[in-house]
Amino acid sequence: MIATPTALNLASNPATTPGVVSQIAPASGVGRKLSPKRKPKSSPKARKSPSGSGSHLPAVDRVEWERHSDDGAWEAWHAPLGAVQRKDKTYLGYVGKGRLATWGSLEPDARQKAVEGWVAMKREKKGIQ
């Protein structure tokens, strides 16, 4: 009866069988390339601040501003107190670059009134008190 070498036998005495040394896996981490540490990705669904998350849009009561893709526009959402999920909010409208430029050219007080007037008009159309 011929004994067949086992992994244990080969690992304990690799010199007895030619070519076996190359078949044994290196110790953990030896000879491996270490990948660079990756920065965690920020969630695209992160909660938006009511002031427009860095835009020049003023804070308006119960309105959340969401950036619209990459076109520089914003969406206004009516967010009742306690609303966290989108299904609990109501879409008010789209504010494009033109309207943003118009509002941006106004003084802060006039801008606040213009935005509040626009939001009030959109809420009225949607039947929101």
C-alpha atoms as a PDB file:
ATOM      1  CA  MET A   1       0.000   0.000   0.000  1.00  0.00           C
ATOM      2  CA  ILE A   2       1.374   3.367  -1.029  1.00  0.00           C
ATOM      3  CA  ALA A   3       0.754   6.254   1.326  1.00  0.00           C
ATOM      4  CA  THR A   4      -0.621   9.349  -0.330  1.00  0.00           C
ATOM      5  CA  PRO A   5       0.677  12.587   1.075  1.00  0.00           C
ATOM      6  CA  THR A   6      -1.846  14.743   2.904  1.00  0.00           C
ATOM      7  CA  ALA A   7      -1.792  18.504   3.281  1.00  0.00           C
ATOM      8  CA  LEU A   8      -0.639  18.063   6.852  1.00  0.00           C
ATOM      9  CA  ASN A   9       2.231  15.807   5.802  1.00  0.00           C
ATOM     10  CA  LEU A  10       3.268  18.138   2.978  1.00  0.00           C
ATOM     11  CA  ALA A  11       3.123  21.234   5.129  1.00  0.00           C
ATOM     12  CA  SER A  12       5.096  19.662   7.922  1.00  0.00           C
ATOM     13  CA  ASN A  13       7.828  18.340   5.635  1.00  0.00           C
ATOM     14  CA  PRO A  14       7.742  20.070   2.235  1.00  0.00           C
ATOM     15  CA  ALA A  15      11.317  19.040   1.410  1.00  0.00           C
ATOM     16  CA  THR A  16      10.312  15.396   0.943  1.00  0.00           C
ATOM     17  CA  THR A  17       8.112  16.067  -2.065  1.00  0.00           C
ATOM     18  CA  PRO A  18       9.507  18.136  -4.964  1.00  0.00           C
ATOM     19  CA  GLY A  19       7.449  21.094  -6.120  1.00  0.00           C
ATOM     20  CA  VAL A  20       5.233  21.120  -3.045  1.00  0.00           C
ATOM     21  CA  VAL A  21       6.686  24.280  -1.552  1.00  0.00           C
ATOM     22  CA  SER A  22       5.159  26.394  -4.320  1.00  0.00           C
ATOM     23  CA  GLN A  23       1.720  24.926  -3.596  1.00  0.00           C
ATOM     24  CA  ILE A  24       1.642  25.933   0.046  1.00  0.00           C
ATOM     25  CA  ALA A  25      -0.170  29.215   0.616  1.00  0.00           C
ATOM     26  CA  PRO A  26       1.937  32.015   2.089  1.00  0.00           C
ATOM     27  CA  ALA A  27       1.285  33.181   5.615  1.00  0.00           C
ATOM     28  CA  SER A  28      -1.571  35.616   6.020  1.00  0.00           C
ATOM     29  CA  GLY A  29      -0.749  38.978   4.491  1.00  0.00           C
ATOM     30  CA  VAL A  30       2.659  37.944   3.133  1.00  0.00           C
ATOM     31  CA  GLY A  31       3.214  38.958  -0.470  1.00  0.00           C
ATOM     32  CA  ARG A  32      -0.192  40.616  -0.830  1.00  0.00           C
ATOM     33  CA  LYS A  33      -0.711  44.126  -2.005  1.00  0.00           C
ATOM     34  CA  LEU A  34      -2.463  46.199   0.575  1.00  0.00           C
ATOM     35  CA  SER A  35      -5.245  48.301  -0.878  1.00  0.00           C
ATOM     36  CA  PRO A  36      -5.281  51.981   0.061  1.00  0.00           C
ATOM     37  CA  LYS A  37      -7.721  52.906   2.777  1.00  0.00           C
ATOM     38  CA  ARG A  38     -10.974  54.067   1.263  1.00  0.00           C
ATOM     39  CA  LYS A  39     -12.892  57.030   2.501  1.00  0.00           C
ATOM     40  CA  PRO A  40     -16.481  56.217   3.427  1.00  0.00           C
ATOM     41  CA  LYS A  41     -18.961  57.571   0.909  1.00  0.00           C
ATOM     42  CA  SER A  42     -21.422  60.094   2.175  1.00  0.00           C
ATOM     43  CA  SER A  43     -24.996  59.061   1.740  1.00  0.00           C
ATOM     44  CA  PRO A  44     -26.803  60.866  -1.057  1.00  0.00           C
ATOM     45  CA  LYS A  45     -29.953  60.548   0.997  1.00  0.00           C
ATOM     46  CA  ALA A  46     -28.532  62.511   3.898  1.00  0.00           C
ATOM     47  CA  ARG A  47     -31.042  64.764   5.612  1.00  0.00           C
ATOM     48  CA  LYS A  48     -31.207  68.205   4.037  1.00  0.00           C
ATOM     49  CA  SER A  49     -31.028  71.307   6.148  1.00  0.00           C
ATOM     50  CA  PRO A  50     -34.131  73.494   5.951  1.00  0.00           C
ATOM     51  CA  SER A  51     -32.102  76.430   4.661  1.00  0.00           C
ATOM     52  CA  GLY A  52     -31.284  74.735   1.375  1.00  0.00           C
ATOM     53  CA  SER A  53     -28.086  72.853   2.235  1.00  0.00           C
ATOM     54  CA  GLY A  54     -25.643  75.537   1.236  1.00  0.00           C
ATOM     55  CA  SER A  55     -27.766  77.353  -1.338  1.00  0.00           C
ATOM     56  CA  HIS A  56     -28.701  81.002  -1.076  1.00  0.00           C
ATOM     57  CA  LEU A  57     -32.291  80.023  -0.381  1.00  0.00           C
ATOM     58  CA  PRO A  58     -33.659  81.411   2.865  1.00  0.00           C
ATOM     59  CA  ALA A  59     -35.156  79.192   5.530  1.00  0.00           C
ATOM     60  CA  VAL A  60     -38.927  78.988   5.229  1.00  0.00           C
ATOM     61  CA  ASP A  61     -41.178  77.371   7.811  1.00  0.00           C
ATOM     62  CA  ARG A  62     -41.939  73.710   6.986  1.00  0.00           C
ATOM     63  CA  VAL A  63     -40.062  73.777   3.656  1.00  0.00           C
ATOM     64  CA  GLU A  64     -37.132  71.552   2.769  1.00  0.00           C
ATOM     65  CA  TRP A  65     -34.981  72.292  -0.257  1.00  0.00           C
ATOM     66  CA  GLU A  66     -33.450  69.478  -2.286  1.00  0.00           C
ATOM     67  CA  ARG A  67     -30.822  69.936  -4.947  1.00  0.00           C
ATOM     68  CA  HIS A  68     -32.133  68.860  -8.351  1.00  0.00           C
ATOM     69  CA  SER A  69     -29.508  66.671 -10.048  1.00  0.00           C
ATOM     70  CA  ASP A  70     -26.581  68.571 -11.498  1.00  0.00           C
ATOM     71  CA  ASP A  71     -28.435  71.373 -13.240  1.00  0.00           C
ATOM     72  CA  GLY A  72     -28.109  73.838 -10.365  1.00  0.00           C
ATOM     73  CA  ALA A  73     -31.823  73.933  -9.624  1.00  0.00           C
ATOM     74  CA  TRP A  74     -33.674  73.139  -6.391  1.00  0.00           C
ATOM     75  CA  GLU A  75     -36.958  71.472  -5.460  1.00  0.00           C
ATOM     76  CA  ALA A  76     -39.161  72.742  -2.663  1.00  0.00           C
ATOM     77  CA  TRP A  77     -40.946  70.226  -0.442  1.00  0.00           C
ATOM     78  CA  HIS A  78     -43.592  70.996   2.163  1.00  0.00           C
ATOM     79  CA  ALA A  79     -42.515  69.064   5.263  1.00  0.00           C
ATOM     80  CA  PRO A  80     -45.056  68.976   8.094  1.00  0.00           C
ATOM     81  CA  LEU A  81     -43.678  68.705  11.609  1.00  0.00           C
ATOM     82  CA  GLY A  82     -42.434  65.180  12.217  1.00  0.00           C
ATOM     83  CA  ALA A  83     -42.215  64.265   8.519  1.00  0.00           C
ATOM     84  CA  VAL A  84     -39.054  62.303   7.833  1.00  0.00           C
ATOM     85  CA  GLN A  85     -39.859  60.138   4.838  1.00  0.00           C
ATOM     86  CA  ARG A  86     -40.629  61.520   1.404  1.00  0.00           C
ATOM     87  CA  LYS A  87     -44.078  59.931   1.402  1.00  0.00           C
ATOM     88  CA  ASP A  88     -44.995  62.258   4.285  1.00  0.00           C
ATOM     89  CA  LYS A  89     -43.952  65.382   2.354  1.00  0.00           C
ATOM     90  CA  THR A  90     -45.586  67.243  -0.532  1.00  0.00           C
ATOM     91  CA  TYR A  91     -43.737  68.442  -3.615  1.00  0.00           C
ATOM     92  CA  LEU A  92     -44.239  72.184  -4.037  1.00  0.00           C
ATOM     93  CA  GLY A  93     -42.224  73.010  -7.106  1.00  0.00           C
ATOM     94  CA  TYR A  94     -39.024  73.423  -9.052  1.00  0.00           C
ATOM     95  CA  VAL A  95     -36.823  76.492  -8.729  1.00  0.00           C
ATOM     96  CA  GLY A  96     -34.629  76.820 -11.810  1.00  0.00           C
ATOM     97  CA  LYS A  97     -31.472  78.801 -12.402  1.00  0.00           C
ATOM     98  CA  GLY A  98     -33.355  81.818 -13.716  1.00  0.00           C
ATOM     99  CA  ARG A  99     -35.540  82.200 -10.633  1.00  0.00           C
ATOM    100  CA  LEU A 100     -32.532  81.511  -8.399  1.00  0.00           C
ATOM    101  CA  ALA A 101     -30.594  84.277 -10.166  1.00  0.00           C
ATOM    102  CA  THR A 102     -33.526  86.661  -9.753  1.00  0.00           C
ATOM    103  CA  TRP A 103     -33.856  85.851  -6.066  1.00  0.00           C
ATOM    104  CA  GLY A 104     -30.080  86.003  -5.622  1.00  0.00           C
ATOM    105  CA  SER A 105     -29.943  89.560  -6.915  1.00  0.00           C
ATOM    106  CA  LEU A 106     -32.384  90.770  -4.248  1.00  0.00           C
ATOM    107  CA  GLU A 107     -31.507  92.137  -0.835  1.00  0.00           C
ATOM    108  CA  PRO A 108     -31.857  89.526   1.951  1.00  0.00           C
ATOM    109  CA  ASP A 109     -35.191  90.909   3.254  1.00  0.00           C
ATOM    110  CA  ALA A 110     -36.676  91.186  -0.234  1.00  0.00           C
ATOM    111  CA  ARG A 111     -35.373  87.701  -1.093  1.00  0.00           C
ATOM    112  CA  GLN A 112     -37.042  86.257   2.014  1.00  0.00           C
ATOM    113  CA  LYS A 113     -40.369  87.871   1.070  1.00  0.00           C
ATOM    114  CA  ALA A 114     -40.113  86.723  -2.563  1.00  0.00           C
ATOM    115  CA  VAL A 115     -39.377  83.126  -1.580  1.00  0.00           C
ATOM    116  CA  GLU A 116     -42.109  83.098   1.064  1.00  0.00           C
ATOM    117  CA  GLY A 117     -44.572  84.487  -1.517  1.00  0.00           C
ATOM    118  CA  TRP A 118     -43.599  81.797  -4.036  1.00  0.00           C
ATOM    119  CA  VAL A 119     -43.974  79.074  -1.378  1.00  0.00           C
ATOM    120  CA  ALA A 120     -47.357  80.491  -0.278  1.00  0.00           C
ATOM    121  CA  MET A 121     -48.592  80.461  -3.900  1.00  0.00           C
ATOM    122  CA  LYS A 122     -47.422  76.835  -4.379  1.00  0.00           C
ATOM    123  CA  ARG A 123     -49.021  75.752  -1.089  1.00  0.00           C
ATOM    124  CA  GLU A 124     -52.296  77.400  -2.091  1.00  0.00           C
ATOM    125  CA  LYS A 125     -52.295  75.551  -5.431  1.00  0.00           C
ATOM    126  CA  LYS A 126     -51.727  72.259  -3.584  1.00  0.00           C
ATOM    127  CA  GLY A 127     -54.380  73.004  -0.972  1.00  0.00           C
ATOM    128  CA  ILE A 128     -51.921  73.111   1.900  1.00  0.00           C
ATOM    129  CA  GLN A 129     -52.758  75.412   4.810  1.00  0.00           C
END
